[in-house]
Structure formats: C-alpha cells, structure tokens
Amino acid sequence: MKNFFLAAVVTLTGSVSLHAAEWGGVSGQITVSGMVPERVLLHAKGAPIKDAEVCAVVDTYSEDVIVDKDSKGLANVFVYLAKAPKAIHPDLKEPKEATMLFDQKGCQFLPHCMIVRKGQSVEVISSDAVAHNTHTYPIKNNAVNVVISPNKGKGMGEMVPCTVAERLPIQVKCDYHPWMIAYWMILDHPYAAITDKDGKFTIENLPEGDHELVIWHEKVGYIDRKFKATVKKGAVSELKAVAVDAKKFTEKK
C-alpha cells in the first residue's frame, strides 16, 4: 500500500511538471534605424499656458516618440496577440486587479500607455491641483468624457468600465490641456506588452506553438500586423529585432 501511494505521488508530480512545461514566453526589441529623433518640446518651463502654475512647472516634452540614444530602442510600442488563444495559462485567466489606476501629474497622463483587460475598470485619479477631463475615443466600447476634480487620489477617482476588447489601442485626451494624450489597449486575454525605454518587451506564459503578434505605435500605426513568434515550452525565446525607419515618424498614417 505504501508503494502504491508513493507511485501515485510520483505520477502526479510528473504530470504537473509536464503541464507547466507546455507554456513558454517570447522577448524582443523594437529599435529605430536612421537619424534618432529628438523629443519635441511642447512648452517650456514658465510658458504662458492654461494652468501654468501646474502645467508649466518644468519643460514638458511630447511622449509620442521616445527613442533611447544608446540602444536606439523605441519606447511605448504595443506588442500583443490580436486574438485570444485557445488556451490561457491558469495563473492569467483572470486579471490580478479589478481596477487599473490612471493618473494625471504635471498635466501629463500617467502612464502614457497602458494595457487593460476586458472587464476591468480604469480609475482615473489626479495628482494635480487643477481640473482635468478624461475623454476616451474607443472603437467598440462606449466613449467616456469625465471631469476629474483636483487632487483626487486612489479611491476618489472616476471609474471608466472597459467591457469590450478593442482591436487597436484607443486614444485618451484631456480637452482642457490638448497636449495631454495617452493610449489604452483593451484586450480579452493577458498576452500583451509595452516596450520599455530600450524598446524591449517580454510576454510570458504563452501556449507553446506558433503565434502572430501585432506591433503598433501611436506615431507609426502598424509596425507589423502579423509578426511571427514561435513559443517553445519551458523557455523564453528571443525574437528577431524589429527596426523602424526614422522617416516613419514624419509620414502621415
């Protein structure tokens, strides 16, 4: 009887290991080729703009094209599966948080780019001492335009429900301060990432096999609609680097 239970434990342990190994990840980098663009100055410190006492405390630069001079990595690129796969890792089936925080500080949205799961809500708060409004421009979700009173911390903000998955990131604006622009990617699965300052990204716990990733940037649009990615079980595979011609940033989409 003792041997029977020992065999059962060994079999069960082996089964769990095999199941865990059916998942893997991918990582990659989006870079810029050609002349690296400088960030655009939106307004200088002390500029005579609306709510200057908050909005012009420091030099404010555009966030639509941020390229690291050393790595030539392009920040704020969305990389995601266009459709939910048949299998989703058990740890990722439900989002860890019911609510995502979206702040306004120094008259800039924080974060500039954000991934939201279908069913989550975005709580719009404000660290600023002036009023803002958050105006969304979705394709499938209901558009929202809410006023955010000054100094509204966590638990005091306005809730924006995200009930439908989008095929592209949606734009978010502040009509009071028109330079304030952000993007939310609303998905019905967890397989997405946003590139860091070096243009790098990692997506973990994907089902093994072949996948197609969408690579999208606010200034360029689609960098690649069907980027091939092969996931190997138990490993994080390095994908071929993707280079964006710097000229793309000045072309009309």
Protein backbone atom coordinates (compact mmCIF):
# COMPACT_ATOMS: atom_id res chain seq x y z
CA MET A 1 0.00 0.00 0.00
CA LYS A 2 2.88 2.36 0.87
CA ASN A 3 4.49 1.76 -2.54
CA PHE A 4 1.16 2.41 -4.24
CA PHE A 5 0.83 5.87 -2.66
CA LEU A 6 4.47 6.67 -3.45
CA ALA A 7 3.90 5.78 -7.11
CA ALA A 8 0.78 7.93 -7.18
CA VAL A 9 2.69 10.95 -5.82
CA VAL A 10 5.49 10.49 -8.39
CA THR A 11 2.96 10.21 -11.22
CA LEU A 12 1.07 13.29 -10.06
CA THR A 13 4.30 15.32 -9.73
CA GLY A 14 5.40 14.31 -13.20
CA SER A 15 2.01 15.29 -14.62
CA VAL A 16 2.18 18.75 -13.04
CA SER A 17 5.71 19.33 -14.41
CA LEU A 18 4.63 18.28 -17.88
CA HIS A 19 1.63 20.61 -17.75
CA ALA A 20 3.79 23.54 -16.60
CA ALA A 21 6.25 22.94 -19.43
CA GLU A 22 3.53 23.45 -22.07
CA TRP A 23 3.97 27.19 -21.66
CA GLY A 24 6.74 29.50 -22.68
CA GLY A 25 7.48 33.11 -23.46
CA VAL A 26 8.93 35.46 -26.03
CA SER A 27 11.06 38.57 -25.76
CA GLY A 28 12.24 41.06 -28.32
CA GLN A 29 13.25 44.61 -29.10
CA ILE A 30 11.90 47.40 -31.29
CA THR A 31 14.59 49.82 -32.45
CA VAL A 32 14.85 52.84 -34.73
CA SER A 33 17.11 52.93 -37.78
CA GLY A 34 18.42 56.16 -39.24
CA MET A 35 18.60 59.54 -37.53
CA VAL A 36 17.31 59.18 -33.97
CA PRO A 37 14.64 61.86 -33.46
CA GLU A 38 14.84 64.27 -30.54
CA ARG A 39 11.85 64.58 -28.26
CA VAL A 40 9.69 67.56 -29.14
CA LEU A 41 9.40 70.36 -26.56
CA LEU A 42 5.69 71.04 -26.07
CA HIS A 43 6.17 74.02 -23.81
CA ALA A 44 8.99 75.40 -21.73
CA LYS A 45 9.07 75.98 -18.00
CA GLY A 46 7.10 79.11 -17.17
CA ALA A 47 5.31 79.24 -20.52
CA PRO A 48 2.10 81.35 -20.51
CA ILE A 49 -0.29 78.43 -20.98
CA LYS A 50 -3.53 77.41 -19.30
CA ASP A 51 -2.96 76.46 -15.65
CA ALA A 52 0.72 77.37 -15.96
CA GLU A 53 1.20 77.17 -12.19
CA VAL A 54 0.82 73.39 -12.53
CA CYS A 55 1.35 72.65 -16.23
CA ALA A 56 4.49 74.73 -16.81
CA VAL A 57 6.49 73.98 -13.67
CA VAL A 58 9.10 72.18 -15.82
CA ASP A 59 9.86 71.80 -19.51
CA THR A 60 7.27 69.44 -20.97
CA TYR A 61 8.14 67.13 -23.85
CA SER A 62 5.99 65.08 -26.19
CA GLU A 63 5.67 61.38 -25.34
CA ASP A 64 4.70 60.16 -28.80
CA VAL A 65 8.28 59.36 -29.91
CA ILE A 66 10.78 58.38 -27.22
CA VAL A 67 14.00 56.79 -28.51
CA ASP A 68 16.98 55.87 -26.35
CA LYS A 69 20.12 57.34 -27.91
CA ASP A 70 22.36 54.45 -26.83
CA SER A 71 20.20 51.40 -27.57
CA LYS A 72 18.07 53.14 -30.23
CA GLY A 73 15.15 51.38 -28.56
CA LEU A 74 11.66 52.75 -29.18
CA ALA A 75 9.53 53.08 -26.04
CA ASN A 76 5.75 52.75 -25.75
CA VAL A 77 5.21 50.24 -28.54
CA PHE A 78 2.26 47.87 -28.03
CA VAL A 79 3.01 44.19 -28.78
CA TYR A 80 0.07 41.81 -28.44
CA LEU A 81 -1.86 38.84 -29.77
CA ALA A 82 -4.69 40.07 -31.96
CA LYS A 83 -6.94 37.26 -30.72
CA ALA A 84 -7.14 35.27 -27.53
CA PRO A 85 -5.51 31.83 -27.95
CA LYS A 86 -7.47 28.66 -27.31
CA ALA A 87 -5.57 28.10 -24.07
CA ILE A 88 -4.71 30.70 -21.43
CA HIS A 89 -2.33 29.94 -18.59
CA PRO A 90 -4.27 29.16 -15.38
CA ASP A 91 -2.48 31.95 -13.49
CA LEU A 92 -3.56 34.52 -16.09
CA LYS A 93 -7.18 33.65 -16.79
CA GLU A 94 -8.36 36.45 -14.53
CA PRO A 95 -6.61 39.79 -14.02
CA LYS A 96 -4.93 40.21 -10.64
CA GLU A 97 -6.58 43.58 -10.09
CA ALA A 98 -10.17 44.62 -10.77
CA THR A 99 -9.09 48.21 -11.32
CA MET A 100 -6.25 49.94 -13.15
CA LEU A 101 -5.04 53.37 -11.99
CA PHE A 102 -4.67 56.24 -14.46
CA ASP A 103 -3.16 59.42 -13.03
CA GLN A 104 -2.58 63.00 -14.11
CA LYS A 105 0.53 64.73 -12.84
CA GLY A 106 2.19 67.91 -14.09
CA CYS A 107 -0.53 67.97 -16.76
CA GLN A 108 0.66 64.68 -18.25
CA PHE A 109 -1.15 61.33 -18.20
CA LEU A 110 0.49 58.55 -16.20
CA PRO A 111 1.04 56.08 -17.67
CA HIS A 112 1.24 57.24 -21.25
CA CYS A 113 0.48 53.71 -22.48
CA MET A 114 -1.50 51.09 -20.58
CA ILE A 115 -2.86 47.58 -21.09
CA VAL A 116 -6.33 46.87 -19.70
CA ARG A 117 -8.18 43.54 -19.55
CA LYS A 118 -11.78 43.30 -20.65
CA GLY A 119 -13.91 43.50 -17.52
CA GLN A 120 -11.51 45.72 -15.64
CA SER A 121 -12.29 49.34 -14.85
CA VAL A 122 -9.86 52.24 -15.07
CA GLU A 123 -9.94 54.53 -12.06
CA VAL A 124 -8.98 58.00 -13.25
CA ILE A 125 -7.33 59.95 -10.45
CA SER A 126 -5.38 63.21 -10.38
CA SER A 127 -2.27 64.30 -8.53
CA ASP A 128 -2.69 67.81 -9.94
CA ALA A 129 -4.13 70.87 -8.20
CA VAL A 130 -6.12 71.79 -11.33
CA ALA A 131 -9.10 70.15 -13.01
CA HIS A 132 -8.72 67.81 -15.97
CA ASN A 133 -11.07 65.78 -18.10
CA THR A 134 -10.53 62.29 -19.47
CA HIS A 135 -12.05 61.82 -22.91
CA THR A 136 -11.80 58.35 -24.49
CA TYR A 137 -12.07 57.58 -28.20
CA PRO A 138 -12.84 53.85 -28.42
CA ILE A 139 -13.92 51.80 -31.42
CA LYS A 140 -16.15 49.30 -29.60
CA ASN A 141 -16.51 50.50 -26.02
CA ASN A 142 -18.72 53.39 -25.01
CA ALA A 143 -16.94 56.72 -25.24
CA VAL A 144 -16.48 58.47 -21.90
CA ASN A 145 -15.82 62.11 -21.08
CA VAL A 146 -15.45 62.69 -17.35
CA VAL A 147 -14.25 65.71 -15.39
CA ILE A 148 -11.57 64.97 -12.81
CA SER A 149 -11.50 67.38 -9.88
CA PRO A 150 -8.15 68.48 -8.45
CA ASN A 151 -6.25 66.23 -6.03
CA LYS A 152 -8.38 63.12 -6.41
CA GLY A 153 -6.41 60.18 -5.03
CA LYS A 154 -6.97 56.45 -5.22
CA GLY A 155 -10.50 55.55 -4.21
CA MET A 156 -11.80 59.01 -5.06
CA GLY A 157 -11.44 58.96 -8.86
CA GLU A 158 -13.86 58.40 -11.70
CA MET A 159 -14.41 54.81 -12.87
CA VAL A 160 -14.27 54.01 -16.58
CA PRO A 161 -15.51 50.46 -17.34
CA CYS A 162 -13.82 48.55 -20.17
CA THR A 163 -16.35 45.98 -21.27
CA VAL A 164 -15.31 45.09 -24.83
CA ALA A 165 -11.95 44.09 -26.28
CA GLU A 166 -10.54 46.52 -28.85
CA ARG A 167 -8.51 45.64 -31.94
CA LEU A 168 -6.27 48.70 -31.58
CA PRO A 169 -5.14 50.93 -28.72
CA ILE A 170 -7.68 53.67 -28.06
CA GLN A 171 -6.74 57.30 -27.69
CA VAL A 172 -7.39 59.21 -24.47
CA LYS A 173 -7.27 63.01 -24.30
CA CYS A 174 -7.73 65.92 -21.95
CA ASP A 175 -9.76 68.61 -23.70
CA TYR A 176 -8.68 71.21 -21.14
CA HIS A 177 -4.99 70.62 -21.92
CA PRO A 178 -4.85 69.32 -25.52
CA TRP A 179 -1.23 68.19 -25.39
CA MET A 180 -2.27 65.52 -22.89
CA ILE A 181 -2.68 62.28 -24.85
CA ALA A 182 -2.47 58.63 -23.80
CA TYR A 183 -3.38 55.18 -25.17
CA TRP A 184 -5.14 52.19 -23.64
CA MET A 185 -5.09 48.71 -25.18
CA ILE A 186 -8.17 46.78 -24.02
CA LEU A 187 -7.85 43.02 -24.55
CA ASP A 188 -9.77 39.86 -23.65
CA HIS A 189 -6.54 37.99 -22.88
CA PRO A 190 -3.29 38.67 -20.98
CA TYR A 191 -0.80 38.32 -23.82
CA ALA A 192 0.47 41.83 -24.40
CA ALA A 193 3.38 44.08 -23.50
CA ILE A 194 4.58 47.65 -23.90
CA THR A 195 8.21 48.28 -24.78
CA ASP A 196 10.44 49.89 -22.17
CA LYS A 197 12.92 52.74 -22.68
CA ASP A 198 15.26 50.40 -24.59
CA GLY A 199 12.46 49.12 -26.81
CA LYS A 200 12.44 45.74 -25.09
CA PHE A 201 9.43 43.60 -24.20
CA THR A 202 8.62 40.18 -22.79
CA ILE A 203 5.38 38.20 -22.93
CA GLU A 204 5.28 35.18 -20.64
CA ASN A 205 3.17 32.04 -20.17
CA LEU A 206 2.02 31.79 -23.76
CA PRO A 207 0.87 28.38 -25.02
CA GLU A 208 3.63 26.68 -26.98
CA GLY A 209 3.41 26.82 -30.75
CA ASP A 210 3.25 29.46 -33.48
CA HIS A 211 1.60 32.82 -32.89
CA GLU A 212 1.16 36.12 -34.70
CA LEU A 213 1.82 39.35 -32.84
CA VAL A 214 0.57 42.83 -33.64
CA ILE A 215 3.20 45.54 -33.23
CA TRP A 216 1.70 49.05 -33.07
CA HIS A 217 2.99 52.53 -32.26
CA GLU A 218 0.93 55.71 -31.96
CA LYS A 219 3.03 57.69 -34.44
CA VAL A 220 3.58 54.93 -36.98
CA GLY A 221 0.43 52.84 -36.67
CA TYR A 222 1.02 49.20 -37.55
CA ILE A 223 4.71 48.33 -37.49
CA ASP A 224 3.75 44.72 -38.19
CA ARG A 225 0.25 43.20 -38.25
CA LYS A 226 1.38 39.56 -38.30
CA PHE A 227 4.78 39.25 -36.70
CA LYS A 228 5.69 35.56 -36.42
CA ALA A 229 6.57 34.24 -32.99
CA THR A 230 7.26 30.63 -32.03
CA VAL A 231 6.87 29.72 -28.36
CA LYS A 232 8.94 26.81 -27.06
CA LYS A 233 7.77 25.05 -23.94
CA GLY A 234 9.65 25.91 -20.79
CA ALA A 235 11.68 28.71 -22.40
CA VAL A 236 11.60 32.41 -23.23
CA SER A 237 12.54 32.66 -26.90
CA GLU A 238 14.35 35.71 -28.24
CA LEU A 239 12.61 37.05 -31.35
CA LYS A 240 14.36 38.78 -34.20
CA ALA A 241 14.74 42.51 -33.61
CA VAL A 242 12.40 44.85 -35.45
CA ALA A 243 13.77 48.14 -36.78
CA VAL A 244 11.54 51.10 -37.63
CA ASP A 245 12.82 53.59 -40.18
CA ALA A 246 13.05 57.01 -38.51
CA LYS A 247 11.33 58.51 -41.56
CA LYS A 248 8.12 56.77 -40.47
CA PHE A 249 7.69 59.27 -37.65
CA THR A 250 7.21 62.13 -40.09
CA GLU A 251 4.91 60.28 -42.52
CA LYS A 252 1.15 60.59 -42.31
CA LYS A 253 -0.61 57.39 -41.21
